[in-house]
Amino acid sequence: MERHVLESLLAGDDEASAAALAALRSGVTYRVFDTTHPAERHAGVFKLRLRRMRLHGVDPLGWNEWCGSSASMAGRCAEG
């Protein structure tokens, strides 16, 4: 997928889209796969990333607020 096409897909008003778009425009590398994955798989990946960020003393901006406001993800956001 070409960069400009991916940028158009990230045109949302939410914080995650804005952060992803800013990273993309700064020149980060990316890969797009032609498959889908269940939400639980993504939640598990982000749970591991959150744990690693905390181990290194990095503040996960907005993550705790999002988890607290999302009823569907509340159980998956808890630290394990």
PDB file of N, CA and C in Angstrom:
ATOM      1  N   MET A   1       0.841  -1.169   0.000  1.00  0.00           N
ATOM      2  CA  MET A   1       0.000   0.000   0.000  1.00  0.00           C
ATOM      3  C   MET A   1       0.890   1.237   0.000  1.00  0.00           C
ATOM      4  N   GLU A   2       0.565   2.157  -0.839  1.00  0.00           N
ATOM      5  CA  GLU A   2       1.358   3.384  -0.917  1.00  0.00           C
ATOM      6  C   GLU A   2       1.084   4.274   0.304  1.00  0.00           C
ATOM      7  N   ARG A   3       2.098   5.039   0.670  1.00  0.00           N
ATOM      8  CA  ARG A   3       2.029   5.871   1.867  1.00  0.00           C
ATOM      9  C   ARG A   3       0.833   6.825   1.843  1.00  0.00           C
ATOM     10  N   HIS A   4       0.560   7.468   0.732  1.00  0.00           N
ATOM     11  CA  HIS A   4      -0.539   8.440   0.690  1.00  0.00           C
ATOM     12  C   HIS A   4      -1.901   7.768   0.873  1.00  0.00           C
ATOM     13  N   VAL A   5      -2.027   6.517   0.443  1.00  0.00           N
ATOM     14  CA  VAL A   5      -3.281   5.782   0.634  1.00  0.00           C
ATOM     15  C   VAL A   5      -3.471   5.461   2.113  1.00  0.00           C
ATOM     16  N   LEU A   6      -2.409   5.013   2.762  1.00  0.00           N
ATOM     17  CA  LEU A   6      -2.477   4.728   4.191  1.00  0.00           C
ATOM     18  C   LEU A   6      -2.782   5.999   4.979  1.00  0.00           C
ATOM     19  N   GLU A   7      -2.185   7.121   4.595  1.00  0.00           N
ATOM     20  CA  GLU A   7      -2.471   8.392   5.260  1.00  0.00           C
ATOM     21  C   GLU A   7      -3.953   8.731   5.169  1.00  0.00           C
ATOM     22  N   SER A   8      -4.567   8.481   4.035  1.00  0.00           N
ATOM     23  CA  SER A   8      -5.993   8.792   3.890  1.00  0.00           C
ATOM     24  C   SER A   8      -6.859   7.901   4.780  1.00  0.00           C
ATOM     25  N   LEU A   9      -6.402   6.685   5.062  1.00  0.00           N
ATOM     26  CA  LEU A   9      -7.147   5.789   5.946  1.00  0.00           C
ATOM     27  C   LEU A   9      -7.032   6.200   7.410  1.00  0.00           C
ATOM     28  N   LEU A  10      -6.005   6.964   7.746  1.00  0.00           N
ATOM     29  CA  LEU A  10      -5.777   7.396   9.120  1.00  0.00           C
ATOM     30  C   LEU A  10      -6.293   8.811   9.369  1.00  0.00           C
ATOM     31  N   ALA A  11      -7.310   9.207   8.662  1.00  0.00           N
ATOM     32  CA  ALA A  11      -7.822  10.577   8.754  1.00  0.00           C
ATOM     33  C   ALA A  11      -8.869  10.749   9.849  1.00  0.00           C
ATOM     34  N   GLY A  12      -8.918   9.862  10.830  1.00  0.00           N
ATOM     35  CA  GLY A  12      -9.905   9.956  11.899  1.00  0.00           C
ATOM     36  C   GLY A  12      -9.608  11.076  12.867  1.00  0.00           C
ATOM     37  N   ASP A  13     -10.579  11.391  13.715  1.00  0.00           N
ATOM     38  CA  ASP A  13     -10.431  12.463  14.701  1.00  0.00           C
ATOM     39  C   ASP A  13      -9.919  11.974  16.044  1.00  0.00           C
ATOM     40  N   ASP A  14      -9.719  10.685  16.195  1.00  0.00           N
ATOM     41  CA  ASP A  14      -9.300  10.151  17.483  1.00  0.00           C
ATOM     42  C   ASP A  14      -7.791  10.292  17.690  1.00  0.00           C
ATOM     43  N   GLU A  15      -7.375  10.175  18.933  1.00  0.00           N
ATOM     44  CA  GLU A  15      -5.967  10.342  19.309  1.00  0.00           C
ATOM     45  C   GLU A  15      -5.063   9.300  18.659  1.00  0.00           C
ATOM     46  N   ALA A  16      -5.539   8.066  18.553  1.00  0.00           N
ATOM     47  CA  ALA A  16      -4.721   6.997  17.963  1.00  0.00           C
ATOM     48  C   ALA A  16      -4.455   7.257  16.484  1.00  0.00           C
ATOM     49  N   SER A  17      -5.480   7.697  15.754  1.00  0.00           N
ATOM     50  CA  SER A  17      -5.298   7.994  14.327  1.00  0.00           C
ATOM     51  C   SER A  17      -4.333   9.152  14.128  1.00  0.00           C
ATOM     52  N   ALA A  18      -4.460  10.181  14.965  1.00  0.00           N
ATOM     53  CA  ALA A  18      -3.576  11.335  14.854  1.00  0.00           C
ATOM     54  C   ALA A  18      -2.126  10.943  15.126  1.00  0.00           C
ATOM     55  N   ALA A  19      -1.908  10.114  16.147  1.00  0.00           N
ATOM     56  CA  ALA A  19      -0.552   9.679  16.477  1.00  0.00           C
ATOM     57  C   ALA A  19       0.033   8.802  15.366  1.00  0.00           C
ATOM     58  N   ALA A  20      -0.782   7.894  14.833  1.00  0.00           N
ATOM     59  CA  ALA A  20      -0.307   7.020  13.752  1.00  0.00           C
ATOM     60  C   ALA A  20       0.000   7.831  12.500  1.00  0.00           C
ATOM     61  N   LEU A  21      -0.835   8.807  12.198  1.00  0.00           N
ATOM     62  CA  LEU A  21      -0.616   9.651  11.028  1.00  0.00           C
ATOM     63  C   LEU A  21       0.655  10.488  11.184  1.00  0.00           C
ATOM     64  N   ALA A  22       0.871  11.029  12.379  1.00  0.00           N
ATOM     65  CA  ALA A  22       2.085  11.811  12.635  1.00  0.00           C
ATOM     66  C   ALA A  22       3.330  10.945  12.485  1.00  0.00           C
ATOM     67  N   ALA A  23       3.280   9.724  13.001  1.00  0.00           N
ATOM     68  CA  ALA A  23       4.419   8.815  12.869  1.00  0.00           C
ATOM     69  C   ALA A  23       4.672   8.470  11.408  1.00  0.00           C
ATOM     70  N   LEU A  24       3.606   8.205  10.688  1.00  0.00           N
ATOM     71  CA  LEU A  24       3.735   7.870   9.272  1.00  0.00           C
ATOM     72  C   LEU A  24       4.346   9.024   8.491  1.00  0.00           C
ATOM     73  N   ARG A  25       3.896  10.228   8.777  1.00  0.00           N
ATOM     74  CA  ARG A  25       4.414  11.403   8.069  1.00  0.00           C
ATOM     75  C   ARG A  25       5.849  11.739   8.458  1.00  0.00           C
ATOM     76  N   SER A  26       6.297  11.232   9.617  1.00  0.00           N
ATOM     77  CA  SER A  26       7.686  11.480  10.031  1.00  0.00           C
ATOM     78  C   SER A  26       8.657  10.532   9.341  1.00  0.00           C
ATOM     79  N   GLY A  27       8.101   9.544   8.603  1.00  0.00           N
ATOM     80  CA  GLY A  27       8.969   8.673   7.818  1.00  0.00           C
ATOM     81  C   GLY A  27       9.165   7.272   8.347  1.00  0.00           C
ATOM     82  N   VAL A  28       8.381   6.853   9.346  1.00  0.00           N
ATOM     83  CA  VAL A  28       8.549   5.497   9.862  1.00  0.00           C
ATOM     84  C   VAL A  28       8.257   4.469   8.782  1.00  0.00           C
ATOM     85  N   THR A  29       8.830   3.300   8.947  1.00  0.00           N
ATOM     86  CA  THR A  29       8.536   2.214   8.018  1.00  0.00           C
ATOM     87  C   THR A  29       7.245   1.535   8.467  1.00  0.00           C
ATOM     88  N   TYR A  30       6.569   0.883   7.544  1.00  0.00           N
ATOM     89  CA  TYR A  30       5.321   0.215   7.874  1.00  0.00           C
ATOM     90  C   TYR A  30       5.124  -0.968   6.943  1.00  0.00           C
ATOM     91  N   ARG A  31       4.254  -1.881   7.391  1.00  0.00           N
ATOM     92  CA  ARG A  31       3.856  -3.008   6.555  1.00  0.00           C
ATOM     93  C   ARG A  31       2.351  -3.139   6.667  1.00  0.00           C
ATOM     94  N   VAL A  32       1.707  -3.423   5.570  1.00  0.00           N
ATOM     95  CA  VAL A  32       0.267  -3.634   5.542  1.00  0.00           C
ATOM     96  C   VAL A  32       0.013  -5.035   5.019  1.00  0.00           C
ATOM     97  N   PHE A  33      -0.758  -5.808   5.773  1.00  0.00           N
ATOM     98  CA  PHE A  33      -1.067  -7.172   5.378  1.00  0.00           C
ATOM     99  C   PHE A  33      -2.496  -7.245   4.886  1.00  0.00           C
ATOM    100  N   ASP A  34      -2.764  -8.145   4.015  1.00  0.00           N
ATOM    101  CA  ASP A  34      -4.083  -8.299   3.414  1.00  0.00           C
ATOM    102  C   ASP A  34      -4.912  -9.330   4.176  1.00  0.00           C
ATOM    103  N   THR A  35      -4.823  -9.305   5.496  1.00  0.00           N
ATOM    104  CA  THR A  35      -5.583 -10.231   6.343  1.00  0.00           C
ATOM    105  C   THR A  35      -6.174  -9.454   7.510  1.00  0.00           C
ATOM    106  N   THR A  36      -7.077 -10.081   8.246  1.00  0.00           N
ATOM    107  CA  THR A  36      -7.630  -9.486   9.458  1.00  0.00           C
ATOM    108  C   THR A  36      -7.304 -10.384  10.642  1.00  0.00           C
ATOM    109  N   HIS A  37      -7.347  -9.811  11.824  1.00  0.00           N
ATOM    110  CA  HIS A  37      -7.084 -10.558  13.054  1.00  0.00           C
ATOM    111  C   HIS A  37      -8.145 -10.194  14.084  1.00  0.00           C
ATOM    112  N   PRO A  38      -8.486 -11.109  14.974  1.00  0.00           N
ATOM    113  CA  PRO A  38      -9.478 -10.809  15.999  1.00  0.00           C
ATOM    114  C   PRO A  38      -8.985  -9.718  16.954  1.00  0.00           C
ATOM    115  N   ALA A  39      -9.916  -8.948  17.506  1.00  0.00           N
ATOM    116  CA  ALA A  39      -9.572  -7.861  18.423  1.00  0.00           C
ATOM    117  C   ALA A  39      -8.786  -8.360  19.627  1.00  0.00           C
ATOM    118  N   GLU A  40      -9.075  -9.578  20.092  1.00  0.00           N
ATOM    119  CA  GLU A  40      -8.373 -10.120  21.257  1.00  0.00           C
ATOM    120  C   GLU A  40      -6.868 -10.225  21.006  1.00  0.00           C
ATOM    121  N   ARG A  41      -6.505 -10.544  19.782  1.00  0.00           N
ATOM    122  CA  ARG A  41      -5.085 -10.658  19.444  1.00  0.00           C
ATOM    123  C   ARG A  41      -4.406  -9.295  19.547  1.00  0.00           C
ATOM    124  N   HIS A  42      -5.073  -8.265  19.034  1.00  0.00           N
ATOM    125  CA  HIS A  42      -4.507  -6.920  19.128  1.00  0.00           C
ATOM    126  C   HIS A  42      -4.425  -6.467  20.579  1.00  0.00           C
ATOM    127  N   ALA A  43      -5.447  -6.764  21.364  1.00  0.00           N
ATOM    128  CA  ALA A  43      -5.446  -6.378  22.775  1.00  0.00           C
ATOM    129  C   ALA A  43      -4.276  -7.024  23.504  1.00  0.00           C
ATOM    130  N   GLY A  44      -4.000  -8.283  23.189  1.00  0.00           N
ATOM    131  CA  GLY A  44      -2.870  -8.972  23.825  1.00  0.00           C
ATOM    132  C   GLY A  44      -1.537  -8.347  23.466  1.00  0.00           C
ATOM    133  N   VAL A  45      -1.383  -7.947  22.231  1.00  0.00           N
ATOM    134  CA  VAL A  45      -0.145  -7.293  21.784  1.00  0.00           C
ATOM    135  C   VAL A  45       0.041  -5.976  22.536  1.00  0.00           C
ATOM    136  N   PHE A  46      -1.035  -5.189  22.630  1.00  0.00           N
ATOM    137  CA  PHE A  46      -0.922  -3.904  23.315  1.00  0.00           C
ATOM    138  C   PHE A  46      -0.712  -4.071  24.814  1.00  0.00           C
ATOM    139  N   LYS A  47      -1.252  -5.144  25.390  1.00  0.00           N
ATOM    140  CA  LYS A  47      -1.019  -5.415  26.805  1.00  0.00           C
ATOM    141  C   LYS A  47       0.478  -5.665  27.051  1.00  0.00           C
ATOM    142  N   LEU A  48       1.100  -6.447  26.168  1.00  0.00           N
ATOM    143  CA  LEU A  48       2.537  -6.702  26.297  1.00  0.00           C
ATOM    144  C   LEU A  48       3.355  -5.424  26.101  1.00  0.00           C
ATOM    145  N   ARG A  49       2.955  -4.600  25.134  1.00  0.00           N
ATOM    146  CA  ARG A  49       3.660  -3.340  24.910  1.00  0.00           C
ATOM    147  C   ARG A  49       3.534  -2.414  26.109  1.00  0.00           C
ATOM    148  N   LEU A  50       2.346  -2.357  26.694  1.00  0.00           N
ATOM    149  CA  LEU A  50       2.124  -1.523  27.874  1.00  0.00           C
ATOM    150  C   LEU A  50       3.010  -1.976  29.021  1.00  0.00           C
ATOM    151  N   ARG A  51       3.070  -3.275  29.246  1.00  0.00           N
ATOM    152  CA  ARG A  51       3.903  -3.809  30.325  1.00  0.00           C
ATOM    153  C   ARG A  51       5.378  -3.445  30.091  1.00  0.00           C
ATOM    154  N   ARG A  52       5.829  -3.575  28.857  1.00  0.00           N
ATOM    155  CA  ARG A  52       7.226  -3.271  28.549  1.00  0.00           C
ATOM    156  C   ARG A  52       7.518  -1.781  28.706  1.00  0.00           C
ATOM    157  N   MET A  53       6.572  -0.942  28.290  1.00  0.00           N
ATOM    158  CA  MET A  53       6.753   0.499  28.446  1.00  0.00           C
ATOM    159  C   MET A  53       6.899   0.862  29.921  1.00  0.00           C
ATOM    160  N   ARG A  54       6.049   0.266  30.750  1.00  0.00           N
ATOM    161  CA  ARG A  54       6.109   0.560  32.189  1.00  0.00           C
ATOM    162  C   ARG A  54       7.413   0.067  32.804  1.00  0.00           C
ATOM    163  N   LEU A  55       7.914  -1.067  32.337  1.00  0.00           N
ATOM    164  CA  LEU A  55       9.190  -1.575  32.850  1.00  0.00           C
ATOM    165  C   LEU A  55      10.327  -0.595  32.580  1.00  0.00           C
ATOM    166  N   HIS A  56      10.231   0.124  31.470  1.00  0.00           N
ATOM    167  CA  HIS A  56      11.258   1.084  31.091  1.00  0.00           C
ATOM    168  C   HIS A  56      10.934   2.500  31.545  1.00  0.00           C
ATOM    169  N   GLY A  57       9.871   2.649  32.352  1.00  0.00           N
ATOM    170  CA  GLY A  57       9.518   3.950  32.898  1.00  0.00           C
ATOM    171  C   GLY A  57       8.906   4.919  31.907  1.00  0.00           C
ATOM    172  N   VAL A  58       8.330   4.401  30.827  1.00  0.00           N
ATOM    173  CA  VAL A  58       7.709   5.250  29.807  1.00  0.00           C
ATOM    174  C   VAL A  58       6.230   5.411  30.143  1.00  0.00           C
ATOM    175  N   ASP A  59       5.739   6.647  30.082  1.00  0.00           N
ATOM    176  CA  ASP A  59       4.330   6.913  30.347  1.00  0.00           C
ATOM    177  C   ASP A  59       3.503   6.601  29.107  1.00  0.00           C
ATOM    178  N   PRO A  60       2.609   5.626  29.183  1.00  0.00           N
ATOM    179  CA  PRO A  60       1.761   5.293  28.035  1.00  0.00           C
ATOM    180  C   PRO A  60       0.645   6.324  27.876  1.00  0.00           C
ATOM    181  N   LEU A  61       0.877   7.344  27.116  1.00  0.00           N
ATOM    182  CA  LEU A  61      -0.032   8.472  26.985  1.00  0.00           C
ATOM    183  C   LEU A  61      -1.446   8.059  26.589  1.00  0.00           C
ATOM    184  N   GLY A  62      -2.400   8.362  27.431  1.00  0.00           N
ATOM    185  CA  GLY A  62      -3.790   8.129  27.129  1.00  0.00           C
ATOM    186  C   GLY A  62      -4.281   6.699  27.269  1.00  0.00           C
ATOM    187  N   TRP A  63      -3.405   5.750  27.460  1.00  0.00           N
ATOM    188  CA  TRP A  63      -3.811   4.345  27.481  1.00  0.00           C
ATOM    189  C   TRP A  63      -4.757   4.051  28.643  1.00  0.00           C
ATOM    190  N   ASN A  64      -4.395   4.499  29.841  1.00  0.00           N
ATOM    191  CA  ASN A  64      -5.226   4.198  31.003  1.00  0.00           C
ATOM    192  C   ASN A  64      -6.600   4.836  30.894  1.00  0.00           C
ATOM    193  N   GLU A  65      -6.665   6.058  30.365  1.00  0.00           N
ATOM    194  CA  GLU A  65      -7.946   6.720  30.204  1.00  0.00           C
ATOM    195  C   GLU A  65      -8.812   5.963  29.201  1.00  0.00           C
ATOM    196  N   TRP A  66      -8.220   5.497  28.121  1.00  0.00           N
ATOM    197  CA  TRP A  66      -8.965   4.769  27.108  1.00  0.00           C
ATOM    198  C   TRP A  66      -9.492   3.458  27.670  1.00  0.00           C
ATOM    199  N   CYS A  67      -8.646   2.741  28.385  1.00  0.00           N
ATOM    200  CA  CYS A  67      -9.076   1.460  28.948  1.00  0.00           C
ATOM    201  C   CYS A  67     -10.208   1.658  29.940  1.00  0.00           C
ATOM    202  N   GLY A  68     -10.138   2.719  30.727  1.00  0.00           N
ATOM    203  CA  GLY A  68     -11.187   2.981  31.702  1.00  0.00           C
ATOM    204  C   GLY A  68     -12.508   3.343  31.062  1.00  0.00           C
ATOM    205  N   SER A  69     -12.478   3.893  29.865  1.00  0.00           N
ATOM    206  CA  SER A  69     -13.705   4.323  29.208  1.00  0.00           C
ATOM    207  C   SER A  69     -14.271   3.290  28.251  1.00  0.00           C
ATOM    208  N   SER A  70     -13.547   2.235  27.987  1.00  0.00           N
ATOM    209  CA  SER A  70     -13.991   1.232  27.017  1.00  0.00           C
ATOM    210  C   SER A  70     -14.460  -0.019  27.744  1.00  0.00           C
ATOM    211  N   ALA A  71     -15.761  -0.190  27.826  1.00  0.00           N
ATOM    212  CA  ALA A  71     -16.308  -1.353  28.530  1.00  0.00           C
ATOM    213  C   ALA A  71     -15.887  -2.668  27.883  1.00  0.00           C
ATOM    214  N   SER A  72     -15.791  -2.704  26.573  1.00  0.00           N
ATOM    215  CA  SER A  72     -15.457  -3.949  25.887  1.00  0.00           C
ATOM    216  C   SER A  72     -14.005  -4.371  26.092  1.00  0.00           C
ATOM    217  N   MET A  73     -13.144  -3.412  26.357  1.00  0.00           N
ATOM    218  CA  MET A  73     -11.727  -3.741  26.502  1.00  0.00           C
ATOM    219  C   MET A  73     -11.271  -3.719  27.960  1.00  0.00           C
ATOM    220  N   ALA A  74     -12.134  -3.359  28.894  1.00  0.00           N
ATOM    221  CA  ALA A  74     -11.726  -3.165  30.289  1.00  0.00           C
ATOM    222  C   ALA A  74     -10.987  -4.370  30.856  1.00  0.00           C
ATOM    223  N   GLY A  75     -11.483  -5.575  30.613  1.00  0.00           N
ATOM    224  CA  GLY A  75     -10.822  -6.758  31.129  1.00  0.00           C
ATOM    225  C   GLY A  75      -9.500  -7.048  30.456  1.00  0.00           C
ATOM    226  N   ARG A  76      -9.344  -6.643  29.225  1.00  0.00           N
ATOM    227  CA  ARG A  76      -8.126  -6.920  28.472  1.00  0.00           C
ATOM    228  C   ARG A  76      -7.025  -5.913  28.746  1.00  0.00           C
ATOM    229  N   CYS A  77      -7.389  -4.748  29.261  1.00  0.00           N
ATOM    230  CA  CYS A  77      -6.397  -3.700  29.507  1.00  0.00           C
ATOM    231  C   CYS A  77      -5.716  -3.862  30.857  1.00  0.00           C
ATOM    232  N   ALA A  78      -6.311  -4.625  31.743  1.00  0.00           N
ATOM    233  CA  ALA A  78      -5.746  -4.795  33.080  1.00  0.00           C
ATOM    234  C   ALA A  78      -4.365  -5.416  32.980  1.00  0.00           C
ATOM    235  N   GLU A  79      -3.504  -4.986  33.882  1.00  0.00           N
ATOM    236  CA  GLU A  79      -2.147  -5.554  33.863  1.00  0.00           C
ATOM    237  C   GLU A  79      -2.202  -6.996  34.305  1.00  0.00           C
ATOM    238  N   GLY A  80      -1.363  -7.791  33.683  1.00  0.00           N
ATOM    239  CA  GLY A  80      -1.344  -9.215  34.017  1.00  0.00           C
ATOM    240  C   GLY A  80      -0.021  -9.647  34.542  1.00  0.00           C
TER     241      GLY A  80
END
